[in-house]
Amino acid sequence: MWTVTPDRQAVSEAFGRESERVVGLVRGCPDLREPVPGLAWNVGQLAAHLTAVYLVFGATLRGGYQDTELERAVGGARADDGLPGTIAAANDYAVGLLKADDARTAAEGLGSQAAAFLEALAAEEDLGKELDTPWYGIGMTRSVGTLASLVVTESLVHGRDLALAMHADPKMSQSSAAAATPTVMSAMLPLLLDGGRAKGFSADYELRLRGGRRFAMRIADGKAECSETGSRDADCVLTLDPRAALLIGFGRRSLARATLTGGALASGRRPWLGLRFPSLFATP
């Protein structure tokens, strides 16, 4: 499966910035029981989720993450819930396992796992190498570059969530988002295509992420495949601010709002297909 390969330096620096921001927000939280707007988690639970992401992804880069209980939790997810259900089951397991009692402990755990991930990434030469990722489903794999990009986007969006909970500035970094979002979209959107919503639908899209790589996506026969641009003419060209793309993908913002605020623009011979695009995918 083709995906955008990120720039190593850009994605590493982005994760360093965003994980440091997350650690600082958690450390400054007076009460980890503070609810996070729009989520079922409080600050402590969200910190546990991010700690789990850093830990599991880092261990995977170092040779593989082994946890039979995690595999059991994932295996127990309902098949008809698809990838979002699998991710939810993995999240529930990890949050219960790693939740800290105080902000200092939570921040130290986050910082330690973030540093370990960066060290593991620096030691892995091949960003295209496929690694086992059973939390996305039994037998699933993702590339090193995809995992590196995913930890950036998780930190960006959940950093925004934490900032909202603590009444801090929620604005996300455009450069960090541009470094990671094209890889995440090209790697994960095909897995999230809703076969029922996409039934009978076919279109060629070109995704242009401001400040990042562009790529093509063909949707047909209930499947989505990504490729480099230039292989075919697009029906619809979607130009997206990478921050808006993340907020749409994580269910934090509608495409309509992103369009009104300049975060999204559709063009091409069938621009109206831009409005259809987000509805074709399930939200994790």
C-alpha atoms as a PDB file:
ATOM      1  CA  MET A   1       0.000   0.000   0.000  1.00  0.00           C
ATOM      2  CA  TRP A   2       1.455   3.379  -1.021  1.00  0.00           C
ATOM      3  CA  THR A   3       1.747   6.158   1.575  1.00  0.00           C
ATOM      4  CA  VAL A   4       3.496   9.509   1.772  1.00  0.00           C
ATOM      5  CA  THR A   5       6.926   9.108   3.369  1.00  0.00           C
ATOM      6  CA  PRO A   6       7.543  11.944   5.833  1.00  0.00           C
ATOM      7  CA  ASP A   7      10.718  13.974   6.124  1.00  0.00           C
ATOM      8  CA  ARG A   8      12.632  12.427   9.036  1.00  0.00           C
ATOM      9  CA  GLN A   9      14.005  15.668  10.463  1.00  0.00           C
ATOM     10  CA  ALA A  10      10.722  17.536  10.116  1.00  0.00           C
ATOM     11  CA  VAL A  11       8.613  14.842  11.755  1.00  0.00           C
ATOM     12  CA  SER A  12      11.168  14.267  14.555  1.00  0.00           C
ATOM     13  CA  GLU A  13      11.356  17.975  15.348  1.00  0.00           C
ATOM     14  CA  ALA A  14       7.572  18.234  15.216  1.00  0.00           C
ATOM     15  CA  PHE A  15       7.159  15.429  17.738  1.00  0.00           C
ATOM     16  CA  GLY A  16       9.763  16.982  20.014  1.00  0.00           C
ATOM     17  CA  ARG A  17       7.845  20.275  20.024  1.00  0.00           C
ATOM     18  CA  GLU A  18       4.373  18.823  20.413  1.00  0.00           C
ATOM     19  CA  SER A  19       5.225  16.232  23.061  1.00  0.00           C
ATOM     20  CA  GLU A  20       6.997  18.924  25.092  1.00  0.00           C
ATOM     21  CA  ARG A  21       3.872  21.075  24.868  1.00  0.00           C
ATOM     22  CA  VAL A  22       1.676  18.187  26.016  1.00  0.00           C
ATOM     23  CA  VAL A  23       3.974  17.406  28.947  1.00  0.00           C
ATOM     24  CA  GLY A  24       3.908  21.051  30.027  1.00  0.00           C
ATOM     25  CA  LEU A  25       0.126  21.228  29.916  1.00  0.00           C
ATOM     26  CA  VAL A  26      -0.263  18.070  31.978  1.00  0.00           C
ATOM     27  CA  ARG A  27       2.347  19.197  34.506  1.00  0.00           C
ATOM     28  CA  GLY A  28       0.493  22.468  35.006  1.00  0.00           C
ATOM     29  CA  CYS A  29      -2.916  20.874  35.548  1.00  0.00           C
ATOM     30  CA  PRO A  30      -4.118  21.476  39.141  1.00  0.00           C
ATOM     31  CA  ASP A  31      -6.561  18.552  39.037  1.00  0.00           C
ATOM     32  CA  LEU A  32      -6.324  15.585  36.672  1.00  0.00           C
ATOM     33  CA  ARG A  33     -10.062  15.040  37.135  1.00  0.00           C
ATOM     34  CA  GLU A  34     -10.720  18.161  35.059  1.00  0.00           C
ATOM     35  CA  PRO A  35     -13.028  17.139  32.175  1.00  0.00           C
ATOM     36  CA  VAL A  36     -11.823  17.522  28.601  1.00  0.00           C
ATOM     37  CA  PRO A  37     -14.382  19.382  26.444  1.00  0.00           C
ATOM     38  CA  GLY A  38     -15.927  17.147  23.792  1.00  0.00           C
ATOM     39  CA  LEU A  39     -14.404  13.927  25.130  1.00  0.00           C
ATOM     40  CA  ALA A  40     -15.518  11.287  27.625  1.00  0.00           C
ATOM     41  CA  TRP A  41     -12.047  11.497  29.258  1.00  0.00           C
ATOM     42  CA  ASN A  42     -10.695  13.792  31.921  1.00  0.00           C
ATOM     43  CA  VAL A  43      -7.165  15.244  31.781  1.00  0.00           C
ATOM     44  CA  GLY A  44      -5.652  12.272  33.621  1.00  0.00           C
ATOM     45  CA  GLN A  45      -7.249   9.769  31.266  1.00  0.00           C
ATOM     46  CA  LEU A  46      -6.155  11.717  28.194  1.00  0.00           C
ATOM     47  CA  ALA A  47      -2.609  11.863  29.573  1.00  0.00           C
ATOM     48  CA  ALA A  48      -2.739   8.087  30.053  1.00  0.00           C
ATOM     49  CA  HIS A  49      -3.872   7.640  26.466  1.00  0.00           C
ATOM     50  CA  LEU A  50      -0.958   9.678  25.113  1.00  0.00           C
ATOM     51  CA  THR A  51       1.489   7.888  27.398  1.00  0.00           C
ATOM     52  CA  ALA A  52       0.243   4.590  25.987  1.00  0.00           C
ATOM     53  CA  VAL A  53       0.644   5.810  22.400  1.00  0.00           C
ATOM     54  CA  TYR A  54       4.231   6.930  23.025  1.00  0.00           C
ATOM     55  CA  LEU A  55       5.058   3.719  24.904  1.00  0.00           C
ATOM     56  CA  VAL A  56       3.518   1.258  22.450  1.00  0.00           C
ATOM     57  CA  PHE A  57       4.801   3.007  19.325  1.00  0.00           C
ATOM     58  CA  GLY A  58       8.301   3.315  20.788  1.00  0.00           C
ATOM     59  CA  ALA A  59       8.378  -0.350  21.812  1.00  0.00           C
ATOM     60  CA  THR A  60       7.181  -1.289  18.322  1.00  0.00           C
ATOM     61  CA  LEU A  61      10.097   0.593  16.760  1.00  0.00           C
ATOM     62  CA  ARG A  62      12.500  -1.149  19.113  1.00  0.00           C
ATOM     63  CA  GLY A  63      11.414  -4.619  18.029  1.00  0.00           C
ATOM     64  CA  GLY A  64       7.767  -5.119  18.759  1.00  0.00           C
ATOM     65  CA  TYR A  65       5.230  -4.534  21.515  1.00  0.00           C
ATOM     66  CA  GLN A  66       3.944  -7.650  23.237  1.00  0.00           C
ATOM     67  CA  ASP A  67       0.862  -7.588  25.456  1.00  0.00           C
ATOM     68  CA  THR A  68      -1.572 -10.477  25.386  1.00  0.00           C
ATOM     69  CA  GLU A  69      -4.155  -8.468  27.315  1.00  0.00           C
ATOM     70  CA  LEU A  70      -4.099  -5.735  24.671  1.00  0.00           C
ATOM     71  CA  GLU A  71      -4.506  -8.332  21.943  1.00  0.00           C
ATOM     72  CA  ARG A  72      -7.405  -9.847  23.878  1.00  0.00           C
ATOM     73  CA  ALA A  73      -9.050  -6.422  24.243  1.00  0.00           C
ATOM     74  CA  VAL A  74      -8.650  -5.713  20.535  1.00  0.00           C
ATOM     75  CA  GLY A  75      -9.857  -9.179  19.594  1.00  0.00           C
ATOM     76  CA  GLY A  76     -12.994  -8.616  21.631  1.00  0.00           C
ATOM     77  CA  ALA A  77     -14.049  -5.570  19.610  1.00  0.00           C
ATOM     78  CA  ARG A  78     -17.132  -6.061  17.481  1.00  0.00           C
ATOM     79  CA  ALA A  79     -16.257  -6.797  13.863  1.00  0.00           C
ATOM     80  CA  ASP A  80     -19.007  -4.514  12.545  1.00  0.00           C
ATOM     81  CA  ASP A  81     -17.452  -1.544  14.385  1.00  0.00           C
ATOM     82  CA  GLY A  82     -14.438  -1.727  12.076  1.00  0.00           C
ATOM     83  CA  LEU A  83     -11.176   0.062  12.817  1.00  0.00           C
ATOM     84  CA  PRO A  84     -12.767   2.739  15.068  1.00  0.00           C
ATOM     85  CA  GLY A  85     -14.105  -0.013  17.330  1.00  0.00           C
ATOM     86  CA  THR A  86     -10.711  -1.711  17.457  1.00  0.00           C
ATOM     87  CA  ILE A  87      -8.977   1.558  18.350  1.00  0.00           C
ATOM     88  CA  ALA A  88     -11.596   2.328  21.019  1.00  0.00           C
ATOM     89  CA  ALA A  89     -11.040  -1.069  22.654  1.00  0.00           C
ATOM     90  CA  ALA A  90      -7.264  -0.527  22.676  1.00  0.00           C
ATOM     91  CA  ASN A  91      -7.710   2.964  24.131  1.00  0.00           C
ATOM     92  CA  ASP A  92      -9.988   1.777  26.931  1.00  0.00           C
ATOM     93  CA  TYR A  93      -7.460  -0.882  27.914  1.00  0.00           C
ATOM     94  CA  ALA A  94      -4.487   1.496  27.861  1.00  0.00           C
ATOM     95  CA  VAL A  95      -6.202   4.317  29.772  1.00  0.00           C
ATOM     96  CA  GLY A  96      -7.127   1.990  32.610  1.00  0.00           C
ATOM     97  CA  LEU A  97      -3.596   0.615  32.751  1.00  0.00           C
ATOM     98  CA  LEU A  98      -1.545   3.822  32.721  1.00  0.00           C
ATOM     99  CA  LYS A  99      -3.643   6.445  34.510  1.00  0.00           C
ATOM    100  CA  ALA A 100      -1.574   8.428  37.057  1.00  0.00           C
ATOM    101  CA  ASP A 101      -2.791   9.890  40.358  1.00  0.00           C
ATOM    102  CA  ASP A 102      -1.090  13.280  40.145  1.00  0.00           C
ATOM    103  CA  ALA A 103       0.035  15.751  37.477  1.00  0.00           C
ATOM    104  CA  ARG A 104       3.749  15.448  38.206  1.00  0.00           C
ATOM    105  CA  THR A 105       3.725  11.663  37.830  1.00  0.00           C
ATOM    106  CA  ALA A 106       1.621  11.865  34.670  1.00  0.00           C
ATOM    107  CA  ALA A 107       3.931  14.468  33.119  1.00  0.00           C
ATOM    108  CA  GLU A 108       7.057  12.475  33.988  1.00  0.00           C
ATOM    109  CA  GLY A 109       5.579   9.362  32.394  1.00  0.00           C
ATOM    110  CA  LEU A 110       4.711  11.269  29.245  1.00  0.00           C
ATOM    111  CA  GLY A 111       8.138  12.878  29.019  1.00  0.00           C
ATOM    112  CA  SER A 112       9.966   9.614  29.567  1.00  0.00           C
ATOM    113  CA  GLN A 113       8.025   7.763  26.869  1.00  0.00           C
ATOM    114  CA  ALA A 114       8.335  10.674  24.421  1.00  0.00           C
ATOM    115  CA  ALA A 115      12.126  10.670  24.826  1.00  0.00           C
ATOM    116  CA  ALA A 116      12.205   6.897  24.375  1.00  0.00           C
ATOM    117  CA  PHE A 117      10.195   7.161  21.176  1.00  0.00           C
ATOM    118  CA  LEU A 118      12.534   9.784  19.704  1.00  0.00           C
ATOM    119  CA  GLU A 119      15.533   7.613  20.569  1.00  0.00           C
ATOM    120  CA  ALA A 120      13.949   4.588  18.899  1.00  0.00           C
ATOM    121  CA  LEU A 121      13.055   6.613  15.804  1.00  0.00           C
ATOM    122  CA  ALA A 122      16.620   7.908  15.466  1.00  0.00           C
ATOM    123  CA  ALA A 123      17.914   4.324  15.559  1.00  0.00           C
ATOM    124  CA  GLU A 124      15.601   3.080  12.786  1.00  0.00           C
ATOM    125  CA  GLU A 125      17.052   3.896   9.376  1.00  0.00           C
ATOM    126  CA  ASP A 126      14.182   2.769   7.132  1.00  0.00           C
ATOM    127  CA  LEU A 127      11.025   4.899   7.430  1.00  0.00           C
ATOM    128  CA  GLY A 128       9.278   2.588   4.973  1.00  0.00           C
ATOM    129  CA  LYS A 129       9.799  -0.540   7.071  1.00  0.00           C
ATOM    130  CA  GLU A 130       6.499  -2.235   7.975  1.00  0.00           C
ATOM    131  CA  LEU A 131       5.962  -3.155  11.620  1.00  0.00           C
ATOM    132  CA  ASP A 132       3.287  -5.225  13.354  1.00  0.00           C
ATOM    133  CA  THR A 133       0.545  -3.003  14.819  1.00  0.00           C
ATOM    134  CA  PRO A 134      -2.018  -5.386  16.366  1.00  0.00           C
ATOM    135  CA  TRP A 135      -3.907  -2.553  18.110  1.00  0.00           C
ATOM    136  CA  TYR A 136      -5.266  -1.695  14.641  1.00  0.00           C
ATOM    137  CA  GLY A 137      -6.421  -5.275  14.184  1.00  0.00           C
ATOM    138  CA  ILE A 138      -4.911  -8.733  14.065  1.00  0.00           C
ATOM    139  CA  GLY A 139      -2.307  -8.969  11.307  1.00  0.00           C
ATOM    140  CA  MET A 140      -2.193  -5.207  10.675  1.00  0.00           C
ATOM    141  CA  THR A 141       1.082  -3.425   9.951  1.00  0.00           C
ATOM    142  CA  ARG A 142       2.082   0.234   9.584  1.00  0.00           C
ATOM    143  CA  SER A 143       5.369   1.770   8.469  1.00  0.00           C
ATOM    144  CA  VAL A 144       7.917   3.464  10.718  1.00  0.00           C
ATOM    145  CA  GLY A 145       7.148   6.773   8.998  1.00  0.00           C
ATOM    146  CA  THR A 146       3.440   6.330   9.620  1.00  0.00           C
ATOM    147  CA  LEU A 147       3.962   5.658  13.333  1.00  0.00           C
ATOM    148  CA  ALA A 148       6.220   8.696  13.596  1.00  0.00           C
ATOM    149  CA  SER A 149       3.592  10.851  11.919  1.00  0.00           C
ATOM    150  CA  LEU A 150       0.777   9.424  14.026  1.00  0.00           C
ATOM    151  CA  VAL A 151       2.457  10.366  17.310  1.00  0.00           C
ATOM    152  CA  VAL A 152       2.735  13.926  16.002  1.00  0.00           C
ATOM    153  CA  THR A 153      -0.933  14.186  15.023  1.00  0.00           C
ATOM    154  CA  GLU A 154      -2.062  12.543  18.275  1.00  0.00           C
ATOM    155  CA  SER A 155       0.013  15.095  20.197  1.00  0.00           C
ATOM    156  CA  LEU A 156      -1.314  17.998  18.128  1.00  0.00           C
ATOM    157  CA  VAL A 157      -4.998  17.214  18.443  1.00  0.00           C
ATOM    158  CA  HIS A 158      -4.878  16.040  22.054  1.00  0.00           C
ATOM    159  CA  GLY A 159      -2.612  18.956  22.924  1.00  0.00           C
ATOM    160  CA  ARG A 160      -5.428  21.155  21.681  1.00  0.00           C
ATOM    161  CA  ASP A 161      -7.900  19.154  23.776  1.00  0.00           C
ATOM    162  CA  LEU A 162      -5.742  19.624  26.882  1.00  0.00           C
ATOM    163  CA  ALA A 163      -5.365  23.346  26.198  1.00  0.00           C
ATOM    164  CA  LEU A 164      -9.147  23.743  25.973  1.00  0.00           C
ATOM    165  CA  ALA A 165      -9.568  21.869  29.255  1.00  0.00           C
ATOM    166  CA  MET A 166      -7.068  24.179  30.944  1.00  0.00           C
ATOM    167  CA  HIS A 167      -8.202  27.415  29.254  1.00  0.00           C
ATOM    168  CA  ALA A 168      -4.847  27.777  27.475  1.00  0.00           C
ATOM    169  CA  ASP A 169      -4.169  28.722  23.843  1.00  0.00           C
ATOM    170  CA  PRO A 170      -5.520  25.805  21.749  1.00  0.00           C
ATOM    171  CA  LYS A 171      -3.927  26.874  18.449  1.00  0.00           C
ATOM    172  CA  MET A 172      -2.029  24.055  16.747  1.00  0.00           C
ATOM    173  CA  SER A 173       1.297  24.435  14.944  1.00  0.00           C
ATOM    174  CA  GLN A 174       0.935  24.637  11.168  1.00  0.00           C
ATOM    175  CA  SER A 175       4.477  23.403  10.547  1.00  0.00           C
ATOM    176  CA  SER A 176       4.055  20.375  12.819  1.00  0.00           C
ATOM    177  CA  ALA A 177       0.758  19.511  11.171  1.00  0.00           C
ATOM    178  CA  ALA A 178       2.244  19.873   7.684  1.00  0.00           C
ATOM    179  CA  ALA A 179       5.108  17.522   8.584  1.00  0.00           C
ATOM    180  CA  ALA A 180       2.813  14.661   9.629  1.00  0.00           C
ATOM    181  CA  THR A 181      -0.707  15.016   8.235  1.00  0.00           C
ATOM    182  CA  PRO A 182      -0.096  13.909   4.606  1.00  0.00           C
ATOM    183  CA  THR A 183       1.423  10.629   5.807  1.00  0.00           C
ATOM    184  CA  VAL A 184      -1.348   9.989   8.326  1.00  0.00           C
ATOM    185  CA  MET A 185      -4.100  10.702   5.813  1.00  0.00           C
ATOM    186  CA  SER A 186      -2.603   8.558   3.063  1.00  0.00           C
ATOM    187  CA  ALA A 187      -1.907   5.675   5.461  1.00  0.00           C
ATOM    188  CA  MET A 188      -5.049   5.684   7.584  1.00  0.00           C
ATOM    189  CA  LEU A 189      -7.950   6.989   5.490  1.00  0.00           C
ATOM    190  CA  PRO A 190      -8.092   3.852   3.284  1.00  0.00           C
ATOM    191  CA  LEU A 191      -8.551   1.800   6.471  1.00  0.00           C
ATOM    192  CA  LEU A 192     -11.344   4.081   7.671  1.00  0.00           C
ATOM    193  CA  LEU A 193     -13.419   4.077   4.482  1.00  0.00           C
ATOM    194  CA  ASP A 194     -17.006   3.174   5.358  1.00  0.00           C
ATOM    195  CA  GLY A 195     -18.032   0.539   2.806  1.00  0.00           C
ATOM    196  CA  GLY A 196     -21.718   1.250   3.309  1.00  0.00           C
ATOM    197  CA  ARG A 197     -21.411   4.985   2.741  1.00  0.00           C
ATOM    198  CA  ALA A 198     -19.063   4.474  -0.219  1.00  0.00           C
ATOM    199  CA  LYS A 199     -21.215   1.802  -1.897  1.00  0.00           C
ATOM    200  CA  GLY A 200     -21.754   2.665  -5.563  1.00  0.00           C
ATOM    201  CA  PHE A 201     -19.562   5.763  -5.278  1.00  0.00           C
ATOM    202  CA  SER A 202     -16.436   6.362  -7.334  1.00  0.00           C
ATOM    203  CA  ALA A 203     -14.206   9.412  -7.666  1.00  0.00           C
ATOM    204  CA  ASP A 204     -10.594  10.483  -8.052  1.00  0.00           C
ATOM    205  CA  TYR A 205      -9.444  13.044  -5.488  1.00  0.00           C
ATOM    206  CA  GLU A 206      -6.245  15.025  -5.205  1.00  0.00           C
ATOM    207  CA  LEU A 207      -5.379  16.061  -1.649  1.00  0.00           C
ATOM    208  CA  ARG A 208      -3.184  19.131  -1.330  1.00  0.00           C
ATOM    209  CA  LEU A 209      -1.972  19.861   2.197  1.00  0.00           C
ATOM    210  CA  ARG A 210      -0.634  23.395   2.564  1.00  0.00           C
ATOM    211  CA  GLY A 211       3.038  23.238   3.441  1.00  0.00           C
ATOM    212  CA  GLY A 212       3.097  19.445   3.001  1.00  0.00           C
ATOM    213  CA  ARG A 213       3.062  16.717   0.348  1.00  0.00           C
ATOM    214  CA  ARG A 214       0.129  16.254  -2.007  1.00  0.00           C
ATOM    215  CA  PHE A 215      -1.222  12.876  -3.021  1.00  0.00           C
ATOM    216  CA  ALA A 216      -4.043  11.245  -4.978  1.00  0.00           C
ATOM    217  CA  MET A 217      -6.841   9.004  -3.714  1.00  0.00           C
ATOM    218  CA  ARG A 218      -9.118   6.848  -5.829  1.00  0.00           C
ATOM    219  CA  ILE A 219     -12.371   5.636  -4.278  1.00  0.00           C
ATOM    220  CA  ALA A 220     -14.159   2.848  -6.151  1.00  0.00           C
ATOM    221  CA  ASP A 221     -15.773  -0.523  -5.456  1.00  0.00           C
ATOM    222  CA  GLY A 222     -15.936   0.196  -1.734  1.00  0.00           C
ATOM    223  CA  LYS A 223     -12.174   0.717  -1.443  1.00  0.00           C
ATOM    224  CA  ALA A 224      -9.811   3.680  -1.244  1.00  0.00           C
ATOM    225  CA  GLU A 225      -6.285   3.628  -2.654  1.00  0.00           C
ATOM    226  CA  CYS A 226      -3.688   6.376  -2.437  1.00  0.00           C
ATOM    227  CA  SER A 227      -0.913   7.123  -4.899  1.00  0.00           C
ATOM    228  CA  GLU A 228       1.378   9.879  -6.021  1.00  0.00           C
ATOM    229  CA  THR A 229      -0.270  12.627  -8.033  1.00  0.00           C
ATOM    230  CA  GLY A 230      -0.028  12.674 -11.808  1.00  0.00           C
ATOM    231  CA  SER A 231      -1.228   9.157 -12.595  1.00  0.00           C
ATOM    232  CA  ARG A 232      -4.756  10.353 -13.449  1.00  0.00           C
ATOM    233  CA  ASP A 233      -6.770  13.578 -13.589  1.00  0.00           C
ATOM    234  CA  ALA A 234      -8.668  14.311 -10.394  1.00  0.00           C
ATOM    235  CA  ASP A 235     -12.424  14.805 -10.312  1.00  0.00           C
ATOM    236  CA  CYS A 236     -12.020  16.973  -7.207  1.00  0.00           C
ATOM    237  CA  VAL A 237      -9.001  18.773  -5.784  1.00  0.00           C
ATOM    238  CA  LEU A 238      -9.188  19.354  -2.033  1.00  0.00           C
ATOM    239  CA  THR A 239      -6.786  22.001  -0.741  1.00  0.00           C
ATOM    240  CA  LEU A 240      -6.581  21.791   3.044  1.00  0.00           C
ATOM    241  CA  ASP A 241      -4.816  23.516   5.867  1.00  0.00           C
ATOM    242  CA  PRO A 242      -3.238  20.475   7.588  1.00  0.00           C
ATOM    243  CA  ARG A 243      -4.602  21.652  10.946  1.00  0.00           C
ATOM    244  CA  ALA A 244      -8.128  21.818   9.561  1.00  0.00           C
ATOM    245  CA  ALA A 245      -7.669  18.379   8.021  1.00  0.00           C
ATOM    246  CA  LEU A 246      -6.761  16.953  11.438  1.00  0.00           C
ATOM    247  CA  LEU A 247      -9.685  18.608  13.187  1.00  0.00           C
ATOM    248  CA  ILE A 248     -12.065  17.244  10.548  1.00  0.00           C
ATOM    249  CA  GLY A 249     -10.512  13.780  10.722  1.00  0.00           C
ATOM    250  CA  PHE A 250     -10.677  13.663  14.519  1.00  0.00           C
ATOM    251  CA  GLY A 251     -14.291  14.838  14.524  1.00  0.00           C
ATOM    252  CA  ARG A 252     -13.473  18.207  16.078  1.00  0.00           C
ATOM    253  CA  ARG A 253     -14.660  20.383  13.178  1.00  0.00           C
ATOM    254  CA  SER A 254     -17.004  20.095  10.215  1.00  0.00           C
ATOM    255  CA  LEU A 255     -15.874  20.551   6.638  1.00  0.00           C
ATOM    256  CA  ALA A 256     -18.419  23.348   6.286  1.00  0.00           C
ATOM    257  CA  ARG A 257     -16.842  25.302   9.129  1.00  0.00           C
ATOM    258  CA  ALA A 258     -13.356  24.652   7.793  1.00  0.00           C
ATOM    259  CA  THR A 259     -14.443  25.947   4.392  1.00  0.00           C
ATOM    260  CA  LEU A 260     -15.966  29.104   5.870  1.00  0.00           C
ATOM    261  CA  THR A 261     -12.774  29.854   7.816  1.00  0.00           C
ATOM    262  CA  GLY A 262     -10.442  29.248   4.861  1.00  0.00           C
ATOM    263  CA  GLY A 263      -9.171  25.866   5.994  1.00  0.00           C
ATOM    264  CA  ALA A 264     -10.590  23.928   3.038  1.00  0.00           C
ATOM    265  CA  LEU A 265     -11.197  24.630  -0.639  1.00  0.00           C
ATOM    266  CA  ALA A 266     -12.602  22.336  -3.322  1.00  0.00           C
ATOM    267  CA  SER A 267     -11.880  22.765  -7.044  1.00  0.00           C
ATOM    268  CA  GLY A 268     -11.576  20.659 -10.203  1.00  0.00           C
ATOM    269  CA  ARG A 269     -14.196  19.481 -12.681  1.00  0.00           C
ATOM    270  CA  ARG A 270     -16.488  18.122  -9.917  1.00  0.00           C
ATOM    271  CA  PRO A 271     -15.796  20.362  -6.907  1.00  0.00           C
ATOM    272  CA  TRP A 272     -19.074  19.415  -5.199  1.00  0.00           C
ATOM    273  CA  LEU A 273     -17.524  16.038  -4.412  1.00  0.00           C
ATOM    274  CA  GLY A 274     -15.467  17.810  -1.767  1.00  0.00           C
ATOM    275  CA  LEU A 275     -18.536  18.015   0.455  1.00  0.00           C
ATOM    276  CA  ARG A 276     -18.978  14.250   0.171  1.00  0.00           C
ATOM    277  CA  PHE A 277     -15.397  13.367   1.077  1.00  0.00           C
ATOM    278  CA  PRO A 278     -15.465  13.466   4.930  1.00  0.00           C
ATOM    279  CA  SER A 279     -18.729  11.543   5.119  1.00  0.00           C
ATOM    280  CA  LEU A 280     -17.157   8.553   3.390  1.00  0.00           C
ATOM    281  CA  PHE A 281     -14.898   7.797   6.353  1.00  0.00           C
ATOM    282  CA  ALA A 282     -15.533   6.641   9.902  1.00  0.00           C
ATOM    283  CA  THR A 283     -14.128   8.751  12.730  1.00  0.00           C
ATOM    284  CA  PRO A 284     -11.919   6.876  15.248  1.00  0.00           C
END
